[in-house]
Structures are given as structure tokens and as C-alpha cells.
Amino acid sequence: MTASTVMIVAIIAIVAAAIRFYGLREVGLGGNDSILYYSLAEQWLKGNFVFKIGDSVEVFRPTLLAFNAMALTFFGHSDYAIKWALSIRPGQRYGSSRSLGPKQIPL
């Protein structure tokens, strides 16, 4: 590899990392989905394996909810813990939910 190729690859990697991690340390949760996923992860940490809170949509994604609960454990109970964990985890982000029988807790 030539020096110019290495420089171009390095610049692309730096720009890609900046785009990927942009806004991670922003204060506050963005949108209703973030608050819902955070609340569900909190319940999972308490041993309440729920997929719905109050009148919200049912989120039957046990793998993601377990991952979010682990993110709160490892990165702390902050407003960016789940965002940080998802940014370093390749793959699917928050998405649609499907209903497979509600297990609900009251608000």
C-alpha cells in the first residue's frame, strides 16, 4: 500500500467514527422510544421481565431488552448508556415491535 492509500483509509475511518459516535454524550433521552426502552431495561434489571409498560406498545425483543439492561449495568444509569452500547454493537438498532401476548406492569 502506498502512503496516499493509507492516508485516505485513515481519513475515511476517522470520518466514519465521528459520524458513528456523534451525539453520544448529549444530555437527555431523545423521543418516546428511548424512554420506553430505558424503562423496560430498568424493569428487567429489577427482575420484572416485562414487554410493555402502561399503555405503551408491546416490545417483544428479549435479546435487545437484555442487552439494554446489561448496558445500564456496565455503563451506569445515565441518559447515554444505551446509546453508547448500541453504537459499539454492530447490527440492528431500535425497531418495530410485535405483539406476542402482553405482560404488563401498571404505571
Protein backbone atom coordinates (compact mmCIF):
# COMPACT_ATOMS: atom_id res chain seq x y z
CA MET A 1 0.00 0.00 0.00
CA THR A 2 1.19 3.43 -0.81
CA ALA A 3 1.30 6.25 1.69
CA SER A 4 -1.55 8.08 -0.03
CA THR A 5 -3.78 4.98 0.18
CA VAL A 6 -3.05 4.65 3.90
CA MET A 7 -3.89 8.34 4.40
CA ILE A 8 -7.18 8.02 2.52
CA VAL A 9 -8.19 4.92 4.51
CA ALA A 10 -7.25 6.68 7.78
CA ILE A 11 -9.31 9.76 6.86
CA ILE A 12 -12.31 7.62 5.92
CA ALA A 13 -12.01 5.70 9.22
CA ILE A 14 -11.85 8.92 11.24
CA VAL A 15 -14.87 10.42 9.47
CA ALA A 16 -16.83 7.16 9.86
CA ALA A 17 -16.05 7.02 13.59
CA ALA A 18 -17.08 10.66 14.02
CA ILE A 19 -20.41 10.00 12.28
CA ARG A 20 -21.00 6.80 14.26
CA PHE A 21 -20.33 8.35 17.67
CA TYR A 22 -21.81 11.82 17.05
CA GLY A 23 -24.15 12.95 19.81
CA LEU A 24 -23.48 10.10 22.23
CA ARG A 25 -22.82 12.35 25.19
CA GLU A 26 -25.85 14.55 24.63
CA VAL A 27 -27.80 15.11 27.79
CA GLY A 28 -31.31 13.72 27.79
CA LEU A 29 -33.17 10.92 26.12
CA GLY A 30 -34.45 11.52 22.63
CA GLY A 31 -38.00 10.66 21.77
CA ASN A 32 -40.51 8.28 23.27
CA ASP A 33 -38.73 5.11 22.11
CA SER A 34 -35.60 5.90 24.13
CA ILE A 35 -37.61 6.48 27.29
CA LEU A 36 -39.60 3.29 26.72
CA TYR A 37 -36.51 1.14 26.12
CA TYR A 38 -34.78 2.69 29.14
CA SER A 39 -37.83 1.99 31.34
CA LEU A 40 -38.08 -1.59 30.09
CA ALA A 41 -34.37 -2.15 30.75
CA GLU A 42 -34.82 -0.79 34.28
CA GLN A 43 -37.64 -3.30 34.86
CA TRP A 44 -35.50 -6.16 33.53
CA LEU A 45 -32.72 -5.21 35.96
CA LYS A 46 -35.24 -5.48 38.80
CA GLY A 47 -36.25 -8.98 37.66
CA ASN A 48 -39.56 -7.90 36.09
CA PHE A 49 -39.27 -9.36 32.60
CA VAL A 50 -41.98 -7.23 31.02
CA PHE A 51 -42.52 -6.29 27.40
CA LYS A 52 -44.99 -3.46 27.96
CA ILE A 53 -45.33 -0.59 30.40
CA GLY A 54 -48.68 1.09 30.93
CA ASP A 55 -50.45 1.78 27.65
CA SER A 56 -47.28 1.66 25.56
CA VAL A 57 -46.75 -0.63 22.60
CA GLU A 58 -45.57 -4.13 23.37
CA VAL A 59 -41.87 -4.63 22.67
CA PHE A 60 -41.23 -8.37 22.40
CA ARG A 61 -37.48 -8.21 21.82
CA PRO A 62 -35.97 -10.11 24.74
CA THR A 63 -32.44 -10.12 23.34
CA LEU A 64 -32.42 -6.35 22.87
CA LEU A 65 -34.02 -5.71 26.26
CA ALA A 66 -31.43 -7.94 27.96
CA PHE A 67 -28.68 -6.11 26.05
CA ASN A 68 -30.10 -2.74 27.18
CA ALA A 69 -30.22 -3.95 30.79
CA MET A 70 -26.58 -5.01 30.54
CA ALA A 71 -25.73 -1.59 29.07
CA LEU A 72 -27.22 0.10 32.13
CA THR A 73 -25.23 -2.25 34.35
CA PHE A 74 -21.89 -1.67 32.61
CA PHE A 75 -22.21 1.98 31.56
CA GLY A 76 -24.28 3.18 34.51
CA HIS A 77 -27.80 4.52 34.79
CA SER A 78 -27.23 7.55 32.63
CA ASP A 79 -29.09 9.01 29.71
CA TYR A 80 -26.45 7.85 27.23
CA ALA A 81 -25.68 4.30 28.45
CA ILE A 82 -27.92 2.51 25.93
CA LYS A 83 -26.89 4.84 23.10
CA TRP A 84 -23.22 4.15 23.87
CA ALA A 85 -23.70 0.38 23.96
CA LEU A 86 -25.67 0.38 20.71
CA SER A 87 -23.05 2.50 18.98
CA ILE A 88 -20.31 -0.04 19.67
CA ARG A 89 -22.56 -3.02 18.88
CA PRO A 90 -22.87 -3.68 15.16
CA GLY A 91 -26.26 -4.60 13.85
CA GLN A 92 -29.86 -3.67 14.41
CA ARG A 93 -30.98 -0.52 16.18
CA TYR A 94 -34.31 0.18 17.79
CA GLY A 95 -37.05 -1.03 15.50
CA SER A 96 -40.55 -2.24 15.29
CA SER A 97 -42.20 -4.38 17.87
CA ARG A 98 -44.63 -7.23 17.50
CA SER A 99 -47.28 -8.38 19.85
CA LEU A 100 -46.96 -11.89 21.30
CA GLY A 101 -49.07 -11.74 24.43
CA PRO A 102 -48.66 -8.85 26.85
CA LYS A 103 -47.02 -8.99 30.21
CA GLN A 104 -47.79 -5.56 31.56
CA ILE A 105 -46.94 -3.56 34.66
CA PRO A 106 -49.02 -0.60 35.79
CA LEU A 107 -47.56 2.88 35.90
